[in-house]
Amino acid sequence: VNPLVSWWLDVENPSGWSSNLAENAQEVQGAI
């Protein structure tokens, strides 16, 4: 599959994340 297309980061389901919101934001930024 050609990966050179638009990508979406699916950020939902709060129970699947840490309670540390700043760290969660860092993870999303890392994927970007």
ModelCIF file with pLDDT and N, C-alpha, C, O atoms, coordinates in Angstrom:
data_MODEL
#
_entry.id   MODEL 
#
_entity.id                         1 
_entity.type                       polymer 
_entity.pdbx_number_of_molecules   1 
#
_entity_poly.entity_id                      1 
_entity_poly.type                           'polypeptide(L)' 
_entity_poly.nstd_linkage                   no 
_entity_poly.nstd_monomer                   no 
_entity_poly.pdbx_seq_one_letter_code       VNPLVSWWLDVENPSGWSSNLAENAQEVQGAI 
_entity_poly.pdbx_seq_one_letter_code_can   VNPLVSWWLDVENPSGWSSNLAENAQEVQGAI 
_entity_poly.pdbx_strand_id                 A 
#
loop_
_entity_poly_seq.entity_id 
_entity_poly_seq.num 
_entity_poly_seq.mon_id 
_entity_poly_seq.hetero 
1 1  VAL n 
1 2  ASN n 
1 3  PRO n 
1 4  LEU n 
1 5  VAL n 
1 6  SER n 
1 7  TRP n 
1 8  TRP n 
1 9  LEU n 
1 10 ASP n 
1 11 VAL n 
1 12 GLU n 
1 13 ASN n 
1 14 PRO n 
1 15 SER n 
1 16 GLY n 
1 17 TRP n 
1 18 SER n 
1 19 SER n 
1 20 ASN n 
1 21 LEU n 
1 22 ALA n 
1 23 GLU n 
1 24 ASN n 
1 25 ALA n 
1 26 GLN n 
1 27 GLU n 
1 28 VAL n 
1 29 GLN n 
1 30 GLY n 
1 31 ALA n 
1 32 ILE n 
#
_struct_asym.id          A 
_struct_asym.entity_id   1 
#
loop_
_ma_qa_metric.id 
_ma_qa_metric.mode 
_ma_qa_metric.name 
_ma_qa_metric.software_group_id 
_ma_qa_metric.type 
1 global pLDDT . pLDDT 
2 local  pLDDT . pLDDT 
#
_ma_qa_metric_global.metric_id      1 
_ma_qa_metric_global.metric_value   94.94 
_ma_qa_metric_global.model_id       1 
_ma_qa_metric_global.ordinal_id     1 
#
loop_
_ma_qa_metric_local.label_asym_id 
_ma_qa_metric_local.label_comp_id 
_ma_qa_metric_local.label_seq_id 
_ma_qa_metric_local.metric_id 
_ma_qa_metric_local.metric_value 
_ma_qa_metric_local.model_id 
_ma_qa_metric_local.ordinal_id 
A VAL 1  2 93.00 1 1  
A ASN 2  2 92.00 1 2  
A PRO 3  2 94.00 1 3  
A LEU 4  2 94.00 1 4  
A VAL 5  2 95.00 1 5  
A SER 6  2 95.00 1 6  
A TRP 7  2 97.00 1 7  
A TRP 8  2 96.00 1 8  
A LEU 9  2 97.00 1 9  
A ASP 10 2 95.00 1 10 
A VAL 11 2 96.00 1 11 
A GLU 12 2 91.00 1 12 
A ASN 13 2 88.00 1 13 
A PRO 14 2 86.00 1 14 
A SER 15 2 87.00 1 15 
A GLY 16 2 89.00 1 16 
A TRP 17 2 95.00 1 17 
A SER 18 2 94.00 1 18 
A SER 19 2 95.00 1 19 
A ASN 20 2 97.00 1 20 
A LEU 21 2 97.00 1 21 
A ALA 22 2 97.00 1 22 
A GLU 23 2 97.00 1 23 
A ASN 24 2 97.00 1 24 
A ALA 25 2 98.00 1 25 
A GLN 26 2 98.00 1 26 
A GLU 27 2 98.00 1 27 
A VAL 28 2 98.00 1 28 
A GLN 29 2 98.00 1 29 
A GLY 30 2 98.00 1 30 
A ALA 31 2 98.00 1 31 
A ILE 32 2 98.00 1 32 
#
loop_
_atom_site.group_PDB 
_atom_site.id 
_atom_site.type_symbol 
_atom_site.label_atom_id 
_atom_site.label_alt_id 
_atom_site.label_comp_id 
_atom_site.label_asym_id 
_atom_site.label_entity_id 
_atom_site.label_seq_id 
_atom_site.pdbx_PDB_ins_code 
_atom_site.Cartn_x 
_atom_site.Cartn_y 
_atom_site.Cartn_z 
_atom_site.occupancy 
_atom_site.B_iso_or_equiv 
_atom_site.pdbx_formal_charge 
_atom_site.auth_seq_id 
_atom_site.auth_comp_id 
_atom_site.auth_asym_id 
_atom_site.auth_atom_id 
_atom_site.pdbx_PDB_model_num 
ATOM 1   N N  . VAL A 1 1  ? 0.854   -1.189 0.000  1.00 93.00 ? 1  VAL A N  1 
ATOM 2   C CA . VAL A 1 1  ? 0.000   0.000  0.000  1.00 93.00 ? 1  VAL A CA 1 
ATOM 3   C C  . VAL A 1 1  ? 0.888   1.236  0.000  1.00 93.00 ? 1  VAL A C  1 
ATOM 4   O O  . VAL A 1 1  ? 1.848   1.311  0.767  1.00 93.00 ? 1  VAL A O  1 
ATOM 5   N N  . ASN A 1 2  ? 0.578   2.200  -0.848 1.00 92.00 ? 2  ASN A N  1 
ATOM 6   C CA . ASN A 1 2  ? 1.325   3.449  -0.893 1.00 92.00 ? 2  ASN A CA 1 
ATOM 7   C C  . ASN A 1 2  ? 1.082   4.236  0.394  1.00 92.00 ? 2  ASN A C  1 
ATOM 8   O O  . ASN A 1 2  ? -0.039  4.689  0.626  1.00 92.00 ? 2  ASN A O  1 
ATOM 9   N N  . PRO A 1 3  ? 2.107   4.410  1.237  1.00 94.00 ? 3  PRO A N  1 
ATOM 10  C CA . PRO A 1 3  ? 1.909   5.135  2.488  1.00 94.00 ? 3  PRO A CA 1 
ATOM 11  C C  . PRO A 1 3  ? 2.014   6.656  2.342  1.00 94.00 ? 3  PRO A C  1 
ATOM 12  O O  . PRO A 1 3  ? 1.834   7.385  3.318  1.00 94.00 ? 3  PRO A O  1 
ATOM 13  N N  . LEU A 1 4  ? 2.303   7.130  1.143  1.00 94.00 ? 4  LEU A N  1 
ATOM 14  C CA . LEU A 1 4  ? 2.467   8.570  0.936  1.00 94.00 ? 4  LEU A CA 1 
ATOM 15  C C  . LEU A 1 4  ? 1.117   9.221  0.633  1.00 94.00 ? 4  LEU A C  1 
ATOM 16  O O  . LEU A 1 4  ? 0.928   9.826  -0.422 1.00 94.00 ? 4  LEU A O  1 
ATOM 17  N N  . VAL A 1 5  ? 0.188   9.087  1.575  1.00 95.00 ? 5  VAL A N  1 
ATOM 18  C CA . VAL A 1 5  ? -1.158  9.636  1.478  1.00 95.00 ? 5  VAL A CA 1 
ATOM 19  C C  . VAL A 1 5  ? -1.454  10.379 2.788  1.00 95.00 ? 5  VAL A C  1 
ATOM 20  O O  . VAL A 1 5  ? -0.595  10.453 3.667  1.00 95.00 ? 5  VAL A O  1 
ATOM 21  N N  . SER A 1 6  ? -2.639  10.914 2.915  1.00 95.00 ? 6  SER A N  1 
ATOM 22  C CA . SER A 1 6  ? -3.044  11.538 4.168  1.00 95.00 ? 6  SER A CA 1 
ATOM 23  C C  . SER A 1 6  ? -3.204  10.469 5.251  1.00 95.00 ? 6  SER A C  1 
ATOM 24  O O  . SER A 1 6  ? -3.687  9.366  4.994  1.00 95.00 ? 6  SER A O  1 
ATOM 25  N N  . TRP A 1 7  ? -2.789  10.824 6.464  1.00 97.00 ? 7  TRP A N  1 
ATOM 26  C CA . TRP A 1 7  ? -2.894  9.925  7.615  1.00 97.00 ? 7  TRP A CA 1 
ATOM 27  C C  . TRP A 1 7  ? -3.733  10.596 8.692  1.00 97.00 ? 7  TRP A C  1 
ATOM 28  O O  . TRP A 1 7  ? -3.686  11.814 8.864  1.00 97.00 ? 7  TRP A O  1 
ATOM 29  N N  . TRP A 1 8  ? -4.500  9.785  9.414  1.00 96.00 ? 8  TRP A N  1 
ATOM 30  C CA . TRP A 1 8  ? -5.308  10.256 10.532 1.00 96.00 ? 8  TRP A CA 1 
ATOM 31  C C  . TRP A 1 8  ? -4.909  9.491  11.786 1.00 96.00 ? 8  TRP A C  1 
ATOM 32  O O  . TRP A 1 8  ? -4.782  8.267  11.771 1.00 96.00 ? 8  TRP A O  1 
ATOM 33  N N  . LEU A 1 9  ? -4.716  10.231 12.864 1.00 97.00 ? 9  LEU A N  1 
ATOM 34  C CA . LEU A 1 9  ? -4.433  9.620  14.156 1.00 97.00 ? 9  LEU A CA 1 
ATOM 35  C C  . LEU A 1 9  ? -5.747  9.558  14.925 1.00 97.00 ? 9  LEU A C  1 
ATOM 36  O O  . LEU A 1 9  ? -6.316  10.592 15.274 1.00 97.00 ? 9  LEU A O  1 
ATOM 37  N N  . ASP A 1 10 ? -6.217  8.367  15.182 1.00 95.00 ? 10 ASP A N  1 
ATOM 38  C CA . ASP A 1 10 ? -7.497  8.117  15.844 1.00 95.00 ? 10 ASP A CA 1 
ATOM 39  C C  . ASP A 1 10 ? -7.267  8.201  17.352 1.00 95.00 ? 10 ASP A C  1 
ATOM 40  O O  . ASP A 1 10 ? -6.671  7.303  17.947 1.00 95.00 ? 10 ASP A O  1 
ATOM 41  N N  . VAL A 1 11 ? -7.742  9.282  17.963 1.00 96.00 ? 11 VAL A N  1 
ATOM 42  C CA . VAL A 1 11 ? -7.535  9.538  19.391 1.00 96.00 ? 11 VAL A CA 1 
ATOM 43  C C  . VAL A 1 11 ? -8.892  9.515  20.073 1.00 96.00 ? 11 VAL A C  1 
ATOM 44  O O  . VAL A 1 11 ? -9.628  10.502 20.058 1.00 96.00 ? 11 VAL A O  1 
ATOM 45  N N  . GLU A 1 12 ? -9.214  8.370  20.675 1.00 91.00 ? 12 GLU A N  1 
ATOM 46  C CA . GLU A 1 12 ? -10.488 8.227  21.372 1.00 91.00 ? 12 GLU A CA 1 
ATOM 47  C C  . GLU A 1 12 ? -10.339 7.194  22.476 1.00 91.00 ? 12 GLU A C  1 
ATOM 48  O O  . GLU A 1 12 ? -9.232  6.726  22.739 1.00 91.00 ? 12 GLU A O  1 
ATOM 49  N N  . ASN A 1 13 ? -11.431 6.836  23.121 1.00 88.00 ? 13 ASN A N  1 
ATOM 50  C CA . ASN A 1 13 ? -11.462 5.866  24.202 1.00 88.00 ? 13 ASN A CA 1 
ATOM 51  C C  . ASN A 1 13 ? -10.524 6.260  25.347 1.00 88.00 ? 13 ASN A C  1 
ATOM 52  O O  . ASN A 1 13 ? -9.411  5.742  25.437 1.00 88.00 ? 13 ASN A O  1 
ATOM 53  N N  . PRO A 1 14 ? -10.964 7.173  26.222 1.00 86.00 ? 14 PRO A N  1 
ATOM 54  C CA . PRO A 1 14 ? -10.114 7.636  27.319 1.00 86.00 ? 14 PRO A CA 1 
ATOM 55  C C  . PRO A 1 14 ? -9.558  6.520  28.199 1.00 86.00 ? 14 PRO A C  1 
ATOM 56  O O  . PRO A 1 14 ? -8.494  6.686  28.795 1.00 86.00 ? 14 PRO A O  1 
ATOM 57  N N  . SER A 1 15 ? -10.253 5.384  28.294 1.00 87.00 ? 15 SER A N  1 
ATOM 58  C CA . SER A 1 15 ? -9.753  4.293  29.150 1.00 87.00 ? 15 SER A CA 1 
ATOM 59  C C  . SER A 1 15 ? -8.505  3.634  28.567 1.00 87.00 ? 15 SER A C  1 
ATOM 60  O O  . SER A 1 15 ? -7.808  2.909  29.276 1.00 87.00 ? 15 SER A O  1 
ATOM 61  N N  . GLY A 1 16 ? -8.211  3.872  27.296 1.00 89.00 ? 16 GLY A N  1 
ATOM 62  C CA . GLY A 1 16 ? -7.023  3.302  26.670 1.00 89.00 ? 16 GLY A CA 1 
ATOM 63  C C  . GLY A 1 16 ? -5.790  4.182  26.800 1.00 89.00 ? 16 GLY A C  1 
ATOM 64  O O  . GLY A 1 16 ? -4.765  3.916  26.174 1.00 89.00 ? 16 GLY A O  1 
ATOM 65  N N  . TRP A 1 17 ? -5.888  5.228  27.610 1.00 95.00 ? 17 TRP A N  1 
ATOM 66  C CA . TRP A 1 17 ? -4.814  6.206  27.730 1.00 95.00 ? 17 TRP A CA 1 
ATOM 67  C C  . TRP A 1 17 ? -4.396  6.387  29.186 1.00 95.00 ? 17 TRP A C  1 
ATOM 68  O O  . TRP A 1 17 ? -5.120  6.011  30.108 1.00 95.00 ? 17 TRP A O  1 
ATOM 69  N N  . SER A 1 18 ? -3.229  6.963  29.370 1.00 94.00 ? 18 SER A N  1 
ATOM 70  C CA . SER A 1 18 ? -2.729  7.305  30.698 1.00 94.00 ? 18 SER A CA 1 
ATOM 71  C C  . SER A 1 18 ? -3.557  8.442  31.291 1.00 94.00 ? 18 SER A C  1 
ATOM 72  O O  . SER A 1 18 ? -4.215  9.179  30.556 1.00 94.00 ? 18 SER A O  1 
ATOM 73  N N  . SER A 1 19 ? -3.530  8.586  32.588 1.00 95.00 ? 19 SER A N  1 
ATOM 74  C CA . SER A 1 19 ? -4.187  9.728  33.238 1.00 95.00 ? 19 SER A CA 1 
ATOM 75  C C  . SER A 1 19 ? -3.334  10.990 33.127 1.00 95.00 ? 19 SER A C  1 
ATOM 76  O O  . SER A 1 19 ? -3.785  12.074 33.495 1.00 95.00 ? 19 SER A O  1 
ATOM 77  N N  . ASN A 1 20 ? -2.100  10.859 32.620 1.00 97.00 ? 20 ASN A N  1 
ATOM 78  C CA . ASN A 1 20 ? -1.205  11.996 32.445 1.00 97.00 ? 20 ASN A CA 1 
ATOM 79  C C  . ASN A 1 20 ? -1.462  12.615 31.063 1.00 97.00 ? 20 ASN A C  1 
ATOM 80  O O  . ASN A 1 20 ? -0.938  12.143 30.054 1.00 97.00 ? 20 ASN A O  1 
ATOM 81  N N  . LEU A 1 21 ? -2.276  13.678 31.036 1.00 97.00 ? 21 LEU A N  1 
ATOM 82  C CA . LEU A 1 21 ? -2.691  14.287 29.775 1.00 97.00 ? 21 LEU A CA 1 
ATOM 83  C C  . LEU A 1 21 ? -1.516  14.852 28.977 1.00 97.00 ? 21 LEU A C  1 
ATOM 84  O O  . LEU A 1 21 ? -1.505  14.768 27.749 1.00 97.00 ? 21 LEU A O  1 
ATOM 85  N N  . ALA A 1 22 ? -0.534  15.422 29.662 1.00 97.00 ? 22 ALA A N  1 
ATOM 86  C CA . ALA A 1 22 ? 0.632   15.986 28.973 1.00 97.00 ? 22 ALA A CA 1 
ATOM 87  C C  . ALA A 1 22 ? 1.423   14.887 28.263 1.00 97.00 ? 22 ALA A C  1 
ATOM 88  O O  . ALA A 1 22 ? 1.909   15.091 27.151 1.00 97.00 ? 22 ALA A O  1 
ATOM 89  N N  . GLU A 1 23 ? 1.550   13.734 28.897 1.00 97.00 ? 23 GLU A N  1 
ATOM 90  C CA . GLU A 1 23 ? 2.254   12.617 28.260 1.00 97.00 ? 23 GLU A CA 1 
ATOM 91  C C  . GLU A 1 23 ? 1.467   12.081 27.068 1.00 97.00 ? 23 GLU A C  1 
ATOM 92  O O  . GLU A 1 23 ? 2.052   11.721 26.047 1.00 97.00 ? 23 GLU A O  1 
ATOM 93  N N  . ASN A 1 24 ? 0.142   12.027 27.196 1.00 97.00 ? 24 ASN A N  1 
ATOM 94  C CA . ASN A 1 24 ? -0.682  11.595 26.064 1.00 97.00 ? 24 ASN A CA 1 
ATOM 95  C C  . ASN A 1 24 ? -0.490  12.532 24.881 1.00 97.00 ? 24 ASN A C  1 
ATOM 96  O O  . ASN A 1 24 ? -0.395  12.090 23.736 1.00 97.00 ? 24 ASN A O  1 
ATOM 97  N N  . ALA A 1 25 ? -0.434  13.821 25.165 1.00 98.00 ? 25 ALA A N  1 
ATOM 98  C CA . ALA A 1 25 ? -0.204  14.803 24.097 1.00 98.00 ? 25 ALA A CA 1 
ATOM 99  C C  . ALA A 1 25 ? 1.164   14.575 23.449 1.00 98.00 ? 25 ALA A C  1 
ATOM 100 O O  . ALA A 1 25 ? 1.299   14.703 22.232 1.00 98.00 ? 25 ALA A O  1 
ATOM 101 N N  . GLN A 1 26 ? 2.174   14.239 24.251 1.00 98.00 ? 26 GLN A N  1 
ATOM 102 C CA . GLN A 1 26 ? 3.502   13.955 23.705 1.00 98.00 ? 26 GLN A CA 1 
ATOM 103 C C  . GLN A 1 26 ? 3.471   12.742 22.778 1.00 98.00 ? 26 GLN A C  1 
ATOM 104 O O  . GLN A 1 26 ? 4.161   12.709 21.758 1.00 98.00 ? 26 GLN A O  1 
ATOM 105 N N  . GLU A 1 27 ? 2.662   11.747 23.145 1.00 98.00 ? 27 GLU A N  1 
ATOM 106 C CA . GLU A 1 27 ? 2.566   10.560 22.290 1.00 98.00 ? 27 GLU A CA 1 
ATOM 107 C C  . GLU A 1 27 ? 1.964   10.905 20.933 1.00 98.00 ? 27 GLU A C  1 
ATOM 108 O O  . GLU A 1 27 ? 2.459   10.452 19.900 1.00 98.00 ? 27 GLU A O  1 
ATOM 109 N N  . VAL A 1 28 ? 0.907   11.700 20.929 1.00 98.00 ? 28 VAL A N  1 
ATOM 110 C CA . VAL A 1 28 ? 0.286   12.112 19.673 1.00 98.00 ? 28 VAL A CA 1 
ATOM 111 C C  . VAL A 1 28 ? 1.285   12.927 18.849 1.00 98.00 ? 28 VAL A C  1 
ATOM 112 O O  . VAL A 1 28 ? 1.402   12.729 17.640 1.00 98.00 ? 28 VAL A O  1 
ATOM 113 N N  . GLN A 1 29 ? 2.002   13.840 19.500 1.00 98.00 ? 29 GLN A N  1 
ATOM 114 C CA . GLN A 1 29 ? 2.999   14.635 18.783 1.00 98.00 ? 29 GLN A CA 1 
ATOM 115 C C  . GLN A 1 29 ? 4.093   13.746 18.218 1.00 98.00 ? 29 GLN A C  1 
ATOM 116 O O  . GLN A 1 29 ? 4.578   13.992 17.114 1.00 98.00 ? 29 GLN A O  1 
ATOM 117 N N  . GLY A 1 30 ? 4.490   12.710 18.961 1.00 98.00 ? 30 GLY A N  1 
ATOM 118 C CA . GLY A 1 30 ? 5.497   11.771 18.460 1.00 98.00 ? 30 GLY A CA 1 
ATOM 119 C C  . GLY A 1 30 ? 5.046   11.089 17.185 1.00 98.00 ? 30 GLY A C  1 
ATOM 120 O O  . GLY A 1 30 ? 5.835   10.935 16.252 1.00 98.00 ? 30 GLY A O  1 
ATOM 121 N N  . ALA A 1 31 ? 3.763   10.670 17.128 1.00 98.00 ? 31 ALA A N  1 
ATOM 122 C CA . ALA A 1 31 ? 3.243   10.026 15.912 1.00 98.00 ? 31 ALA A CA 1 
ATOM 123 C C  . ALA A 1 31 ? 3.226   11.007 14.743 1.00 98.00 ? 31 ALA A C  1 
ATOM 124 O O  . ALA A 1 31 ? 3.555   10.644 13.614 1.00 98.00 ? 31 ALA A O  1 
ATOM 125 N N  . ILE A 1 32 ? 2.841   12.248 15.021 1.00 98.00 ? 32 ILE A N  1 
ATOM 126 C CA . ILE A 1 32 ? 2.874   13.286 13.971 1.00 98.00 ? 32 ILE A CA 1 
ATOM 127 C C  . ILE A 1 32 ? 4.306   13.432 13.458 1.00 98.00 ? 32 ILE A C  1 
ATOM 128 O O  . ILE A 1 32 ? 4.565   14.248 12.574 1.00 98.00 ? 32 ILE A O  1 
#
